Amino acid sequence: MSFEEFVAGHGRSLVRLAFVLSGDRQVAEDLAQTVLADAYRHWKRVQKAARPEAYVRRMLVNAHLSWRRRRWTTERPADLRQETGTAVADAADAVAARDQMRVLLSRLAPRARTVLVLRYYADLDDAAIAAAMGVSESSVRATASRALASLRGPAAIDAERETR
């Protein structure tokens, strides 16, 4: 398989995965572009991997975690969303729920967010997640458990406030 065929077949899914990990379209495109440029430079090594898409996915996860570490120490983005008290139409409920989940995920540590995204968005099992992140399967399960417990806390509080 040539690099061009690989990008045609897997490029969009890499950008989507980067978007779910980062929560920002421009950052996702930058991450995917950076990873694909690195994959192109090392294409012979990537192509020899048993599963090139898994190899590049791991490169993306590593680039995301690296970017988060660098960004955390230098940049502090402002929250530009505005809260409105208006009722949302039924068709927008799904969009609002996804946005709420994205906000909750953005509050998690990068490693916890990565585990949940790879498990529930990329539909990988613990072994594949562990391989993609370079950690043990038990670490993946423990991280997922803590992350889900963390997500349940704020969501339950918000739901309770809405019912009052």
C-alpha atoms as a PDB file:
ATOM      1  CA  MET A   1       0.000   0.000   0.000  1.00  0.00           C
ATOM      2  CA  SER A   2       1.357   3.413  -0.917  1.00  0.00           C
ATOM      3  CA  PHE A   3       1.334   6.378   1.435  1.00  0.00           C
ATOM      4  CA  GLU A   4      -1.275   8.126  -0.739  1.00  0.00           C
ATOM      5  CA  GLU A   5      -3.586   5.114  -0.509  1.00  0.00           C
ATOM      6  CA  PHE A   6      -3.093   5.005   3.247  1.00  0.00           C
ATOM      7  CA  VAL A   7      -4.014   8.685   3.626  1.00  0.00           C
ATOM      8  CA  ALA A   8      -7.042   8.268   1.350  1.00  0.00           C
ATOM      9  CA  GLY A   9      -8.249   5.330   3.410  1.00  0.00           C
ATOM     10  CA  HIS A  10      -7.388   6.463   6.930  1.00  0.00           C
ATOM     11  CA  GLY A  11      -6.751  10.221   6.845  1.00  0.00           C
ATOM     12  CA  ARG A  12     -10.275  11.320   7.753  1.00  0.00           C
ATOM     13  CA  SER A  13     -10.524   8.857  10.643  1.00  0.00           C
ATOM     14  CA  LEU A  14      -7.211  10.165  12.005  1.00  0.00           C
ATOM     15  CA  VAL A  15      -8.517  13.746  11.905  1.00  0.00           C
ATOM     16  CA  ARG A  16     -11.754  12.646  13.631  1.00  0.00           C
ATOM     17  CA  LEU A  17      -9.798  10.816  16.322  1.00  0.00           C
ATOM     18  CA  ALA A  18      -7.574  13.859  16.817  1.00  0.00           C
ATOM     19  CA  PHE A  19     -10.681  16.048  17.097  1.00  0.00           C
ATOM     20  CA  VAL A  20     -12.223  13.833  19.744  1.00  0.00           C
ATOM     21  CA  LEU A  21      -8.944  13.781  21.658  1.00  0.00           C
ATOM     22  CA  SER A  22      -8.282  17.521  21.458  1.00  0.00           C
ATOM     23  CA  GLY A  23     -11.771  19.001  21.198  1.00  0.00           C
ATOM     24  CA  ASP A  24     -10.589  21.586  18.675  1.00  0.00           C
ATOM     25  CA  ARG A  25     -10.900  21.264  14.895  1.00  0.00           C
ATOM     26  CA  GLN A  26      -7.763  23.289  14.068  1.00  0.00           C
ATOM     27  CA  VAL A  27      -5.648  21.444  16.621  1.00  0.00           C
ATOM     28  CA  ALA A  28      -6.983  18.138  15.292  1.00  0.00           C
ATOM     29  CA  GLU A  29      -6.007  19.036  11.750  1.00  0.00           C
ATOM     30  CA  ASP A  30      -2.556  20.181  12.911  1.00  0.00           C
ATOM     31  CA  LEU A  31      -2.035  16.963  14.899  1.00  0.00           C
ATOM     32  CA  ALA A  32      -3.126  14.766  12.004  1.00  0.00           C
ATOM     33  CA  GLN A  33      -0.966  16.709   9.556  1.00  0.00           C
ATOM     34  CA  THR A  34       2.060  16.460  11.842  1.00  0.00           C
ATOM     35  CA  VAL A  35       1.566  12.736  12.343  1.00  0.00           C
ATOM     36  CA  LEU A  36       1.031  12.088   8.647  1.00  0.00           C
ATOM     37  CA  ALA A  37       4.172  14.080   7.814  1.00  0.00           C
ATOM     38  CA  ASP A  38       6.130  11.947  10.294  1.00  0.00           C
ATOM     39  CA  ALA A  39       4.543   8.789   8.874  1.00  0.00           C
ATOM     40  CA  TYR A  40       5.544   9.869   5.371  1.00  0.00           C
ATOM     41  CA  ARG A  41       9.157  10.431   6.449  1.00  0.00           C
ATOM     42  CA  HIS A  42       9.252   6.974   8.049  1.00  0.00           C
ATOM     43  CA  TRP A  43       6.884   5.247   5.616  1.00  0.00           C
ATOM     44  CA  LYS A  44       9.112   2.215   5.103  1.00  0.00           C
ATOM     45  CA  ARG A  45       9.039   1.502   8.838  1.00  0.00           C
ATOM     46  CA  VAL A  46       5.290   2.229   9.097  1.00  0.00           C
ATOM     47  CA  GLN A  47       4.533   0.036   6.101  1.00  0.00           C
ATOM     48  CA  LYS A  48       6.447  -2.896   7.629  1.00  0.00           C
ATOM     49  CA  ALA A  49       4.260  -2.786  10.772  1.00  0.00           C
ATOM     50  CA  ALA A  50       1.716  -5.567  11.121  1.00  0.00           C
ATOM     51  CA  ARG A  51      -1.076  -2.964  11.213  1.00  0.00           C
ATOM     52  CA  PRO A  52       0.047   0.385   9.780  1.00  0.00           C
ATOM     53  CA  GLU A  53      -3.186   2.122  10.849  1.00  0.00           C
ATOM     54  CA  ALA A  54      -2.600   1.085  14.479  1.00  0.00           C
ATOM     55  CA  TYR A  55       1.014   2.273  14.219  1.00  0.00           C
ATOM     56  CA  VAL A  56      -0.054   5.691  12.947  1.00  0.00           C
ATOM     57  CA  ARG A  57      -2.894   5.855  15.510  1.00  0.00           C
ATOM     58  CA  ARG A  58      -0.309   5.354  18.238  1.00  0.00           C
ATOM     59  CA  MET A  59       1.801   8.108  16.682  1.00  0.00           C
ATOM     60  CA  LEU A  60      -1.292  10.355  16.855  1.00  0.00           C
ATOM     61  CA  VAL A  61      -1.967   9.510  20.498  1.00  0.00           C
ATOM     62  CA  ASN A  62       1.666  10.192  21.384  1.00  0.00           C
ATOM     63  CA  ALA A  63       1.625  13.489  19.472  1.00  0.00           C
ATOM     64  CA  HIS A  64      -1.590  14.508  21.244  1.00  0.00           C
ATOM     65  CA  LEU A  65      -0.194  13.722  24.688  1.00  0.00           C
ATOM     66  CA  SER A  66       3.019  15.557  23.817  1.00  0.00           C
ATOM     67  CA  TRP A  67       1.065  18.560  22.582  1.00  0.00           C
ATOM     68  CA  ARG A  68      -1.039  18.591  25.771  1.00  0.00           C
ATOM     69  CA  ARG A  69       2.075  18.584  27.956  1.00  0.00           C
ATOM     70  CA  ARG A  70       3.640  21.450  26.011  1.00  0.00           C
ATOM     71  CA  ARG A  71       0.410  23.445  25.819  1.00  0.00           C
ATOM     72  CA  TRP A  72      -0.397  22.987  29.485  1.00  0.00           C
ATOM     73  CA  THR A  73       2.766  24.787  30.512  1.00  0.00           C
ATOM     74  CA  THR A  74       2.532  27.661  28.033  1.00  0.00           C
ATOM     75  CA  GLU A  75      -1.036  28.422  26.984  1.00  0.00           C
ATOM     76  CA  ARG A  76      -4.245  28.904  28.913  1.00  0.00           C
ATOM     77  CA  PRO A  77      -7.183  29.225  26.504  1.00  0.00           C
ATOM     78  CA  ALA A  78     -10.171  31.318  27.528  1.00  0.00           C
ATOM     79  CA  ASP A  79     -13.632  29.791  27.667  1.00  0.00           C
ATOM     80  CA  LEU A  80     -15.546  31.680  24.970  1.00  0.00           C
ATOM     81  CA  ARG A  81     -18.813  29.769  25.221  1.00  0.00           C
ATOM     82  CA  GLN A  82     -21.787  31.740  26.432  1.00  0.00           C
ATOM     83  CA  GLU A  83     -24.419  30.147  28.615  1.00  0.00           C
ATOM     84  CA  THR A  84     -27.982  30.972  27.565  1.00  0.00           C
ATOM     85  CA  GLY A  85     -31.160  30.186  29.424  1.00  0.00           C
ATOM     86  CA  THR A  86     -33.231  29.521  26.317  1.00  0.00           C
ATOM     87  CA  ALA A  87     -34.830  26.156  25.647  1.00  0.00           C
ATOM     88  CA  VAL A  88     -33.153  24.017  23.010  1.00  0.00           C
ATOM     89  CA  ALA A  89     -35.234  22.501  20.225  1.00  0.00           C
ATOM     90  CA  ASP A  90     -35.553  18.706  20.166  1.00  0.00           C
ATOM     91  CA  ALA A  91     -33.293  18.404  17.135  1.00  0.00           C
ATOM     92  CA  ALA A  92     -30.522  20.201  18.997  1.00  0.00           C
ATOM     93  CA  ASP A  93     -30.680  18.017  22.106  1.00  0.00           C
ATOM     94  CA  ALA A  94     -28.239  15.523  20.619  1.00  0.00           C
ATOM     95  CA  VAL A  95     -25.834  18.309  19.682  1.00  0.00           C
ATOM     96  CA  ALA A  96     -26.090  19.778  23.182  1.00  0.00           C
ATOM     97  CA  ALA A  97     -25.472  16.380  24.765  1.00  0.00           C
ATOM     98  CA  ARG A  98     -22.385  15.828  22.587  1.00  0.00           C
ATOM     99  CA  ASP A  99     -21.127  19.296  23.442  1.00  0.00           C
ATOM    100  CA  GLN A 100     -21.658  18.661  27.149  1.00  0.00           C
ATOM    101  CA  MET A 101     -19.742  15.388  26.869  1.00  0.00           C
ATOM    102  CA  ARG A 102     -16.942  17.147  24.993  1.00  0.00           C
ATOM    103  CA  VAL A 103     -16.719  19.759  27.754  1.00  0.00           C
ATOM    104  CA  LEU A 104     -16.676  17.064  30.437  1.00  0.00           C
ATOM    105  CA  LEU A 105     -13.980  15.167  28.537  1.00  0.00           C
ATOM    106  CA  SER A 106     -11.909  18.328  28.196  1.00  0.00           C
ATOM    107  CA  ARG A 107     -11.757  18.576  31.991  1.00  0.00           C
ATOM    108  CA  LEU A 108     -10.092  15.171  32.263  1.00  0.00           C
ATOM    109  CA  ALA A 109      -6.350  14.649  32.288  1.00  0.00           C
ATOM    110  CA  PRO A 110      -4.961  13.916  28.804  1.00  0.00           C
ATOM    111  CA  ARG A 111      -4.229  10.282  29.611  1.00  0.00           C
ATOM    112  CA  ALA A 112      -7.728   9.664  31.009  1.00  0.00           C
ATOM    113  CA  ARG A 113      -9.370  11.390  28.038  1.00  0.00           C
ATOM    114  CA  THR A 114      -7.222   9.373  25.639  1.00  0.00           C
ATOM    115  CA  VAL A 115      -8.244   6.082  27.264  1.00  0.00           C
ATOM    116  CA  LEU A 116     -11.960   6.935  27.117  1.00  0.00           C
ATOM    117  CA  VAL A 117     -11.786   8.199  23.534  1.00  0.00           C
ATOM    118  CA  LEU A 118      -9.922   5.114  22.352  1.00  0.00           C
ATOM    119  CA  ARG A 119     -12.350   2.842  24.203  1.00  0.00           C
ATOM    120  CA  TYR A 120     -15.678   4.440  23.317  1.00  0.00           C
ATOM    121  CA  TYR A 121     -14.978   6.424  20.146  1.00  0.00           C
ATOM    122  CA  ALA A 122     -12.381   4.289  18.402  1.00  0.00           C
ATOM    123  CA  ASP A 123     -13.992   1.126  19.878  1.00  0.00           C
ATOM    124  CA  LEU A 124     -10.686  -0.442  20.900  1.00  0.00           C
ATOM    125  CA  ASP A 125     -10.359  -3.106  23.565  1.00  0.00           C
ATOM    126  CA  ASP A 126      -8.043  -2.762  26.559  1.00  0.00           C
ATOM    127  CA  ALA A 127      -5.199  -4.621  24.840  1.00  0.00           C
ATOM    128  CA  ALA A 128      -5.299  -2.332  21.790  1.00  0.00           C
ATOM    129  CA  ILE A 129      -5.500   0.774  23.983  1.00  0.00           C
ATOM    130  CA  ALA A 130      -2.574  -0.447  26.058  1.00  0.00           C
ATOM    131  CA  ALA A 131      -0.575  -1.066  22.893  1.00  0.00           C
ATOM    132  CA  ALA A 132      -1.470   2.351  21.468  1.00  0.00           C
ATOM    133  CA  MET A 133      -0.491   4.160  24.660  1.00  0.00           C
ATOM    134  CA  GLY A 134       2.452   1.992  25.672  1.00  0.00           C
ATOM    135  CA  VAL A 135       1.004   1.069  29.083  1.00  0.00           C
ATOM    136  CA  SER A 136      -0.300  -2.125  30.682  1.00  0.00           C
ATOM    137  CA  GLU A 137      -3.878  -3.323  30.285  1.00  0.00           C
ATOM    138  CA  SER A 138      -4.478  -2.990  34.023  1.00  0.00           C
ATOM    139  CA  SER A 139      -3.362   0.642  33.813  1.00  0.00           C
ATOM    140  CA  VAL A 140      -5.897   1.185  31.021  1.00  0.00           C
ATOM    141  CA  ARG A 141      -8.695  -0.350  33.108  1.00  0.00           C
ATOM    142  CA  ALA A 142      -7.750   1.657  36.210  1.00  0.00           C
ATOM    143  CA  THR A 143      -7.495   4.897  34.256  1.00  0.00           C
ATOM    144  CA  ALA A 144     -10.851   4.266  32.573  1.00  0.00           C
ATOM    145  CA  SER A 145     -12.497   3.491  35.894  1.00  0.00           C
ATOM    146  CA  ARG A 146     -11.201   6.680  37.518  1.00  0.00           C
ATOM    147  CA  ALA A 147     -12.094   8.763  34.464  1.00  0.00           C
ATOM    148  CA  LEU A 148     -15.653   7.417  34.347  1.00  0.00           C
ATOM    149  CA  ALA A 149     -16.083   8.049  38.076  1.00  0.00           C
ATOM    150  CA  SER A 150     -14.861  11.589  37.527  1.00  0.00           C
ATOM    151  CA  LEU A 151     -17.316  12.099  34.656  1.00  0.00           C
ATOM    152  CA  ARG A 152     -20.238  10.772  36.690  1.00  0.00           C
ATOM    153  CA  GLY A 153     -19.660  13.350  39.426  1.00  0.00           C
ATOM    154  CA  PRO A 154     -20.108  16.597  37.433  1.00  0.00           C
ATOM    155  CA  ALA A 155     -22.814  15.138  35.170  1.00  0.00           C
ATOM    156  CA  ALA A 156     -24.873  14.012  38.138  1.00  0.00           C
ATOM    157  CA  ILE A 157     -24.519  17.424  39.792  1.00  0.00           C
ATOM    158  CA  ASP A 158     -25.577  19.232  36.600  1.00  0.00           C
ATOM    159  CA  ALA A 159     -28.559  16.928  36.110  1.00  0.00           C
ATOM    160  CA  GLU A 160     -29.652  17.504  39.682  1.00  0.00           C
ATOM    161  CA  ARG A 161     -29.446  21.302  39.246  1.00  0.00           C
ATOM    162  CA  GLU A 162     -31.616  21.113  36.124  1.00  0.00           C
ATOM    163  CA  THR A 163     -34.378  19.197  37.932  1.00  0.00           C
ATOM    164  CA  ARG A 164     -34.728  21.805  40.694  1.00  0.00           C
END
